[in-house]
Amino acid sequence: DSFQCRCKKGFNDLRPERPGRICKQMIDECERPELNSCDRNAKCLDEEDGYNCECKSGFADVSPSPSLPGRACRPIVNECIDQKLNDCDPRAKCIDQPDGYQCECPSNTKDISPSAAFPGRVCHVFENECLTGKHDCDPQAVCQDNEQAFTCECPK
C-alpha cells in the first residue's frame, strides 16, 4: 500500500520534497486592511509568502523605505499648472517633476534667489541703461553697462 500526502486547499507546502508533511495556512493579508500596512491609496498584492503594495495610478510612492513600497502614497500634482501652487519667479520657467517642481530663470535674467538649493525664485532682469538711454551720463562721457547698473567714464 502506498499513500500520498498533500496539503489541503488554502495551505502552503513548506517541504515540497516531502509533500504534505509541513503545511502552513495561507493568509490573504489583502483581504483585511488590519493585516497589511499598505497606504489607502495603494493596491495590496497578495503573494505566497506575504504581500506587496503598489501605489495606485495618479499617486506617487513616497514610502520612506525603498524595500517597502506602497506604504506612503501622495497624489501627483503638477504645481506648474497653477502659479499659486509654486513659488517660481513670474519670469521663471516652472518644470514639473515627480516629486515637486523646479524653477529656471530665463537666459536674459540673473538668478539671485536667496538659496542655491531653490533656484528660479528671484530672477533679476538686466537692463542696459546705456542702450535704453536711462542713464545720466554727460553727453561727452562713455556709458558702461554692468550687472548692477552703469558707470560713466569721462574721456581722457
Protein backbone atom coordinates (compact mmCIF):
# COMPACT_ATOMS: atom_id res chain seq x y z
CA ASP A 1 0.00 0.00 0.00
CA SER A 2 1.32 3.36 -0.95
CA PHE A 3 -0.02 6.68 0.14
CA GLN A 4 0.37 10.27 -0.90
CA CYS A 5 0.19 13.29 1.37
CA ARG A 6 -0.95 16.65 0.08
CA CYS A 7 -1.66 19.95 1.78
CA LYS A 8 -5.31 20.96 1.74
CA LYS A 9 -6.55 23.90 -0.30
CA GLY A 10 -5.63 27.15 1.43
CA PHE A 11 -2.43 25.66 2.87
CA ASN A 12 1.12 26.04 1.60
CA ASP A 13 3.52 23.07 1.48
CA LEU A 14 6.71 24.16 3.25
CA ARG A 15 8.60 20.95 2.30
CA PRO A 16 7.67 20.09 -1.29
CA GLU A 17 10.43 17.44 -1.39
CA ARG A 18 8.32 15.50 1.19
CA PRO A 19 4.79 16.63 0.25
CA GLY A 20 2.10 17.13 2.84
CA ARG A 21 4.37 16.84 5.89
CA ILE A 22 4.53 20.55 6.86
CA CYS A 23 1.53 22.61 5.81
CA LYS A 24 1.09 26.27 6.68
CA GLN A 25 -2.24 28.02 6.35
CA MET A 26 -2.08 30.73 3.70
CA ILE A 27 -3.37 34.11 4.80
CA ASP A 28 -4.56 36.73 2.36
CA GLU A 29 -3.29 39.88 4.06
CA CYS A 30 -5.01 41.93 1.37
CA GLU A 31 -8.49 40.73 2.38
CA ARG A 32 -8.35 42.62 5.66
CA PRO A 33 -6.66 46.06 5.91
CA GLU A 34 -5.56 45.42 9.50
CA LEU A 35 -3.30 42.59 8.24
CA ASN A 36 -1.25 44.82 5.90
CA SER A 37 0.48 48.19 6.01
CA CYS A 38 -0.43 49.39 2.51
CA ASP A 39 -1.41 53.05 2.13
CA ARG A 40 -5.13 53.55 1.48
CA ASN A 41 -4.14 54.86 -1.97
CA ALA A 42 -2.20 51.67 -2.78
CA LYS A 43 -3.19 48.29 -4.20
CA CYS A 44 -2.43 45.31 -1.99
CA LEU A 45 -1.00 42.38 -3.94
CA ASP A 46 -1.28 39.03 -2.15
CA GLU A 47 1.73 36.76 -2.58
CA GLU A 48 2.61 33.26 -1.45
CA ASP A 49 4.92 34.46 1.31
CA GLY A 50 3.17 37.70 2.27
CA TYR A 51 2.05 40.73 0.30
CA ASN A 52 3.30 43.75 -1.62
CA CYS A 53 1.87 47.23 -2.01
CA GLU A 54 1.76 49.37 -5.14
CA CYS A 55 0.60 53.00 -5.29
CA LYS A 56 -2.48 53.44 -7.45
CA SER A 57 -2.37 55.38 -10.71
CA GLY A 58 -2.22 59.13 -10.06
CA PHE A 59 -0.28 58.66 -6.82
CA ALA A 60 3.47 58.93 -6.21
CA ASP A 61 5.28 56.49 -3.92
CA VAL A 62 6.92 58.48 -1.12
CA SER A 63 7.48 55.49 1.18
CA PRO A 64 10.47 56.00 3.50
CA SER A 65 11.94 52.57 2.73
CA PRO A 66 12.59 51.53 -0.89
CA SER A 67 12.27 47.88 0.16
CA LEU A 68 8.70 48.52 1.38
CA PRO A 69 6.92 50.32 -1.48
CA GLY A 70 3.30 51.47 -1.35
CA ARG A 71 3.36 52.33 2.36
CA ALA A 72 3.01 56.09 1.68
CA CYS A 73 1.32 57.35 -1.49
CA ARG A 74 0.56 61.00 -2.22
CA PRO A 75 -1.43 62.48 -5.10
CA ILE A 76 0.67 63.52 -8.09
CA VAL A 77 0.20 67.26 -8.51
CA ASN A 78 1.51 69.38 -11.37
CA GLU A 79 2.48 72.51 -9.44
CA CYS A 80 3.35 74.26 -12.71
CA ILE A 81 -0.26 74.35 -13.97
CA ASP A 82 -1.27 76.98 -11.40
CA GLN A 83 1.18 79.65 -10.24
CA LYS A 84 -0.46 79.56 -6.78
CA LEU A 85 0.99 76.04 -6.35
CA ASN A 86 4.64 77.11 -6.86
CA ASP A 87 6.90 79.95 -5.78
CA CYS A 88 8.79 80.41 -9.05
CA ASP A 89 9.54 83.98 -10.14
CA PRO A 90 6.83 85.04 -12.64
CA ARG A 91 9.54 85.24 -15.34
CA ALA A 92 10.96 81.79 -14.50
CA LYS A 93 10.11 78.55 -16.28
CA CYS A 94 8.39 76.05 -13.98
CA ILE A 95 9.45 72.44 -14.65
CA ASP A 96 7.17 69.75 -13.19
CA GLN A 97 8.92 66.77 -11.60
CA PRO A 98 7.58 63.57 -9.99
CA ASP A 99 8.46 64.81 -6.51
CA GLY A 100 7.66 68.51 -6.94
CA TYR A 101 8.91 71.16 -9.34
CA GLN A 102 11.97 73.16 -10.33
CA CYS A 103 12.23 76.81 -11.38
CA GLU A 104 14.61 78.09 -14.05
CA CYS A 105 15.35 81.76 -14.74
CA PRO A 106 15.43 82.72 -18.44
CA SER A 107 18.81 83.42 -20.06
CA ASN A 108 18.20 87.18 -20.23
CA THR A 109 17.98 87.33 -16.42
CA LYS A 110 20.26 86.61 -13.48
CA ASP A 111 19.16 84.15 -10.79
CA ILE A 112 19.51 85.99 -7.48
CA SER A 113 17.42 83.55 -5.42
CA PRO A 114 18.34 83.56 -1.69
CA SER A 115 19.06 79.80 -1.65
CA ALA A 116 21.09 77.91 -4.27
CA ALA A 117 19.01 74.82 -3.37
CA PHE A 118 15.90 76.60 -4.68
CA PRO A 119 16.83 78.33 -7.94
CA GLY A 120 14.47 80.42 -10.07
CA ARG A 121 12.68 82.05 -7.15
CA VAL A 122 14.08 85.54 -7.92
CA CYS A 123 15.08 86.37 -11.50
CA HIS A 124 16.68 89.80 -11.98
CA VAL A 125 16.10 91.35 -15.39
CA PHE A 126 19.15 93.04 -16.85
CA GLU A 127 18.52 96.44 -18.28
CA ASN A 128 21.17 98.04 -20.39
CA GLU A 129 20.67 101.65 -19.33
CA CYS A 130 23.31 102.72 -21.83
CA LEU A 131 21.21 101.38 -24.73
CA THR A 132 17.82 102.49 -23.41
CA GLY A 133 19.05 105.99 -22.54
CA LYS A 134 18.04 105.55 -18.89
CA HIS A 135 21.32 106.98 -17.59
CA ASP A 136 22.53 110.38 -16.52
CA CYS A 137 26.00 110.34 -18.08
CA ASP A 138 27.29 113.55 -19.63
CA PRO A 139 26.93 113.53 -23.43
CA GLN A 140 30.74 113.59 -23.65
CA ALA A 141 31.13 110.59 -21.24
CA VAL A 142 31.15 106.91 -22.17
CA CYS A 143 28.33 104.89 -20.58
CA GLN A 144 29.46 101.40 -19.45
CA ASP A 145 26.71 98.91 -18.58
CA ASN A 146 27.26 96.35 -15.79
CA GLU A 147 25.13 93.83 -13.89
CA GLN A 148 24.07 96.28 -11.17
CA ALA A 149 23.52 99.43 -13.23
CA PHE A 150 26.01 101.52 -15.23
CA THR A 151 29.08 103.74 -14.87
CA CYS A 152 30.04 106.93 -16.66
CA GLU A 153 33.62 107.42 -17.79
CA CYS A 154 34.94 110.75 -18.94
CA PRO A 155 37.29 110.66 -21.92
CA LYS A 156 40.98 111.15 -21.09
